[in-house]
Protein backbone atom coordinates (compact mmCIF):
# COMPACT_ATOMS: atom_id res chain seq x y z
CA MET A 1 -11.95 40.51 64.07
CA GLY A 2 -11.44 34.32 72.24
CA PHE A 3 -12.68 37.49 73.63
CA ASP A 4 -14.35 38.47 76.91
CA ASP A 5 -18.07 38.03 77.55
CA ILE A 6 -19.72 41.36 76.81
CA GLY A 7 -22.63 40.57 79.12
CA GLU A 8 -20.59 41.34 82.22
CA LYS A 9 -19.36 44.80 81.28
CA GLY A 10 -22.03 46.91 82.93
CA THR A 11 -25.60 48.04 82.63
CA THR A 12 -24.92 50.43 79.77
CA ARG A 13 -23.59 47.64 77.57
CA ARG A 14 -26.54 45.39 78.46
CA GLY A 15 -28.87 48.25 77.73
CA PHE A 16 -27.42 48.47 74.24
CA VAL A 17 -28.20 44.82 73.65
CA ARG A 18 -31.75 45.26 74.92
CA ASN A 19 -32.19 48.22 72.57
CA ILE A 20 -31.10 46.06 69.67
CA ALA A 21 -33.55 43.32 70.56
CA ALA A 22 -36.43 45.74 71.10
CA GLY A 23 -35.71 48.29 68.41
CA ALA A 24 -34.45 46.12 65.60
CA GLY A 25 -37.07 43.41 65.98
CA GLY A 26 -36.21 40.48 63.80
CA LEU A 27 -33.16 42.18 62.36
CA ALA A 28 -30.28 39.76 61.93
CA ILE A 29 -27.48 41.58 63.70
CA ALA A 30 -23.89 42.05 63.99
CA SER A 31 -17.99 41.89 61.30
CA ALA A 32 -16.36 44.08 58.56
CA LEU A 33 -13.88 44.52 56.94
CA GLN A 34 -12.23 41.41 58.23
CA GLU A 35 -8.74 40.28 57.36
CA ALA A 36 -9.94 36.73 57.68
CA LEU A 37 -11.20 37.08 54.11
CA THR A 38 -7.79 37.83 52.65
CA SER A 39 -6.22 35.51 50.15
CA GLY A 40 -4.23 33.88 52.93
CA GLN A 41 -7.47 32.62 54.44
CA SER A 42 -8.59 30.59 51.44
CA GLY A 43 -7.63 27.39 53.18
CA LEU A 44 -10.03 28.17 56.03
CA MET A 45 -13.09 28.53 53.82
CA ALA A 46 -15.57 25.70 53.83
CA ALA A 47 -16.47 24.30 50.43
CA PRO A 48 -19.71 25.86 49.17
CA SER A 49 -22.65 23.53 48.67
CA GLN A 50 -24.83 23.45 45.57
CA SER A 51 -28.08 24.12 47.39
CA GLN A 52 -31.59 23.99 45.98
CA SER A 53 -34.79 25.51 47.24
CA PRO A 54 -37.48 23.18 48.64
CA GLY A 55 -38.67 20.79 45.98
CA GLY A 56 -35.39 20.94 44.03
CA LYS A 57 -36.49 23.83 41.84
CA LYS A 58 -34.36 24.99 38.92
CA TYR A 59 -33.18 28.24 40.50
CA GLY A 60 -32.71 26.97 44.03
CA LYS A 61 -28.93 27.37 43.67
CA PHE A 62 -29.41 31.14 43.80
CA PHE A 63 -30.94 31.09 47.31
CA LEU A 64 -28.98 31.13 50.56
CA SER A 65 -31.15 30.79 53.65
CA ASP A 66 -30.33 30.52 57.33
CA LYS A 67 -30.85 26.96 58.53
CA GLY A 68 -31.05 27.79 62.22
CA GLU A 69 -27.67 26.24 63.02
CA GLN A 70 -25.54 27.48 65.90
CA PRO A 71 -23.24 30.34 64.83
CA LYS A 72 -19.58 29.41 64.41
CA GLU A 73 -16.34 31.33 64.16
CA MET A 74 -14.76 31.76 60.71
CA ASP A 75 -17.94 30.62 58.93
CA PHE A 76 -17.71 31.56 55.24
CA VAL A 77 -20.83 29.73 54.08
CA GLY A 78 -23.57 30.25 56.67
CA LEU A 79 -25.23 33.63 57.21
CA ASN A 80 -24.92 33.82 60.99
CA SER A 81 -21.50 33.66 62.63
CA ILE A 82 -19.65 34.63 65.79
CA PRO A 83 -18.16 38.11 65.48
CA PRO A 84 -14.41 38.62 65.74
CA PHE A 85 -14.58 40.60 68.98
CA PRO A 86 -17.14 41.33 71.73
CA GLU A 87 -17.68 44.96 70.80
CA ILE A 88 -19.87 43.54 68.02
CA ALA A 89 -23.14 42.01 69.21
CA SER A 90 -23.44 38.28 68.58
CA PRO A 91 -24.38 36.72 66.29
CA GLN A 92 -23.40 38.81 63.31
CA THR A 93 -24.88 38.23 59.87
CA TYR A 94 -22.47 38.14 56.94
CA PHE A 95 -22.92 37.10 53.31
CA ARG A 96 -19.51 35.91 52.09
CA GLY A 97 -20.05 36.17 48.36
CA ALA A 98 -18.82 33.39 46.09
CA SER A 99 -17.79 31.13 48.98
CA ALA A 100 -21.45 30.96 50.00
CA LEU A 101 -23.19 31.35 46.63
CA PRO A 102 -20.91 30.33 43.73
CA GLY A 103 -20.84 33.02 41.09
CA ALA A 104 -21.80 35.86 43.44
CA THR A 105 -19.98 39.13 42.85
CA ALA A 106 -20.52 40.94 46.15
CA THR A 107 -20.07 40.42 49.88
CA ILE A 108 -21.94 42.27 52.61
CA GLY A 109 -21.93 42.20 56.37
CA TRP A 110 -24.54 43.29 58.92
CA GLN A 111 -22.93 44.04 62.26
CA VAL A 112 -24.13 45.93 65.32
CA PHE A 113 -21.37 47.73 67.23
CA ILE A 114 -22.24 48.17 70.89
CA ALA A 115 -18.94 49.49 72.32
CA PRO A 116 -15.94 51.53 71.15
CA VAL A 117 -13.30 49.62 69.19
CA CYS A 118 -10.73 50.49 66.52
CA TRP A 119 -8.79 48.40 64.04
CA GLU A 120 -7.54 48.01 60.46
CA THR A 121 -4.29 49.12 58.84
CA PRO A 122 -4.24 51.19 55.62
CA HIS A 123 -5.08 49.00 52.63
CA ILE A 124 -6.65 48.89 49.16
CA HIS A 125 -9.03 46.56 47.32
CA LYS A 126 -9.37 45.31 43.75
CA TYR A 127 -13.05 46.29 43.61
CA ASP A 128 -15.23 49.16 44.81
CA GLU A 129 -16.42 49.12 48.42
CA PHE A 130 -19.11 50.91 50.37
CA LEU A 131 -19.02 51.42 54.14
CA ILE A 132 -22.49 52.13 55.52
CA PHE A 133 -23.05 53.50 59.03
CA LEU A 134 -26.63 53.47 60.37
CA GLY A 135 -28.38 53.74 63.69
CA GLY A 136 -29.38 50.39 65.13
CA GLU A 137 -33.01 51.07 66.01
CA LEU A 138 -35.94 50.40 63.67
CA PRO A 139 -37.69 52.05 61.98
CA ASP A 140 -35.55 55.20 62.21
CA LEU A 141 -32.11 54.06 61.09
CA CYS A 142 -31.04 57.66 60.47
CA GLY A 143 -32.40 59.36 63.57
CA SER A 144 -31.17 56.66 65.94
CA PHE A 145 -27.51 57.18 64.98
CA ASP A 146 -25.56 58.48 67.98
CA ALA A 147 -21.84 57.79 67.64
CA GLU A 148 -18.49 59.26 66.57
CA ILE A 149 -16.50 57.15 64.11
CA ASP A 150 -13.14 58.14 62.63
CA LEU A 151 -12.02 56.90 59.21
CA TRP A 152 -8.76 57.79 57.45
CA MET A 153 -8.82 58.07 53.64
CA GLY A 154 -6.24 58.35 50.85
CA GLU A 155 -2.46 58.41 50.71
CA GLU A 156 -2.61 61.66 52.69
CA MET A 157 -4.29 59.84 55.61
CA GLU A 158 -7.08 62.41 55.61
CA LYS A 159 -9.19 61.98 58.76
CA HIS A 160 -12.99 62.04 58.58
CA THR A 161 -15.30 61.87 61.61
CA ILE A 162 -18.75 60.35 61.03
CA THR A 163 -21.43 61.76 63.35
CA SER A 164 -24.64 60.89 61.47
CA THR A 165 -25.92 58.13 59.19
CA THR A 166 -23.37 57.97 56.36
CA VAL A 167 -22.50 56.00 53.23
CA VAL A 168 -18.82 56.05 52.22
CA TYR A 169 -17.86 55.12 48.67
CA ILE A 170 -14.32 53.74 48.36
CA PRO A 171 -13.25 53.36 44.71
CA LYS A 172 -11.05 50.38 43.88
CA GLY A 173 -7.40 51.11 44.57
CA MET A 174 -8.08 53.90 47.08
CA GLN A 175 -6.21 53.62 50.37
CA HIS A 176 -8.43 53.67 53.47
CA ALA A 177 -8.36 52.86 57.21
CA PRO A 178 -7.71 52.76 60.11
CA LEU A 179 -11.30 52.74 61.37
CA ASN A 180 -12.11 53.84 64.93
CA PHE A 181 -15.57 53.43 66.44
CA ARG A 182 -14.45 55.96 69.04
CA VAL A 183 -17.74 56.87 70.76
CA ILE A 184 -20.81 54.60 70.77
CA ARG A 185 -23.77 56.13 72.61
CA LYS A 186 -26.34 53.95 70.84
CA PRO A 187 -25.81 50.75 68.82
CA VAL A 188 -24.44 51.31 65.32
CA LEU A 189 -25.61 49.10 62.45
CA PHE A 190 -22.57 48.77 60.16
CA HIS A 191 -22.51 47.34 56.64
CA ALA A 192 -19.40 46.64 54.62
CA LEU A 193 -20.59 46.15 51.02
CA TYR A 194 -17.81 44.91 48.72
CA LEU A 195 -18.39 44.52 44.98
CA GLY A 196 -16.12 41.54 44.55
CA PRO A 197 -16.59 37.76 44.93
CA SER A 198 -14.49 37.73 48.11
CA LEU A 199 -12.90 40.44 50.22
CA ASP A 200 -9.35 40.81 48.94
CA ARG A 201 -7.00 43.14 50.80
CA GLU A 202 -3.57 44.57 50.02
CA PRO A 203 -1.65 46.45 52.75
CA ARG A 204 -0.36 49.83 51.57
CA VAL A 205 1.87 51.03 54.43
CA PRO A 206 4.59 48.46 55.20
CA GLY A 207 5.18 47.95 58.90
CA PHE A 208 2.21 50.10 59.92
CA ASP A 209 1.85 49.83 63.71
CA LEU A 210 -1.63 50.38 65.12
CA THR A 211 -0.28 50.53 68.65
CA THR A 212 1.78 53.65 67.91
CA PHE A 213 -0.72 55.35 65.57
CA ASP A 214 -2.00 58.76 66.69
CA TRP A 215 -5.73 58.06 66.97
CA GLY A 216 -6.49 61.57 68.25
CA GLY A 217 -8.65 60.15 71.02
CA PRO A 218 -9.45 56.99 72.99
CA ALA A 219 -8.44 53.79 71.25
CA ASN A 220 -9.77 50.37 72.29
CA LEU A 221 -7.45 48.56 69.91
CA LYS A 222 -8.27 45.15 68.46
CA THR A 223 -6.44 43.21 65.78
CA PHE A 224 -7.61 40.14 63.91
CA GLY A 225 -6.49 37.82 61.18
CA PRO A 226 -5.27 34.25 60.62
CA PRO A 227 -4.94 32.04 63.68
CA LYS A 228 -1.38 32.10 64.94
CA LYS A 229 0.59 28.91 64.39
CA LYS A 230 1.53 27.13 67.61
């Protein structure tokens, strides 16, 4: 989930970014729920390294630390990466599970949404997932939430609108999405916590067309996935 430079889209957008820097302090910010982690993307994943902590200690292989390298697109090993679209502040921080730490059984992203954007087609996963929506200003991650986010759940496509700090539990096999960050008044800190080694994804509505979907409100539509073959 290239895109336009978000720094030129007006004072409100820049104000969001300043709020993140001032309010979140050293918080590593910014992708979820990304189709780039589907099984079709396995060829794009960099081979994980068998790292050790300083001094080559026995349990160093269980540590993954940021090395201060420049963020890159489609990085499945490093913690910081370039987000899939400019409505997410850059860089984003994403732990990619087993591709980054062999043997890991969870993936989690930390992304700060600074502008409205909607994406995702209805799908299911093999493992449980949690979607976590917080305000983006420390220390009050609950009180600083000021947004309206629509999420569709189940085969019935039941629509839910999130207007305060919320944790959504999605049992394995439950259909969910699309996801529409419809109104963003203040930055939203979004976590996608997936209890599997990598983010598998199985579409559930064949031929689902986001461009014709009734969003029930403004829709700044973005799609993402494997690079198109030339």
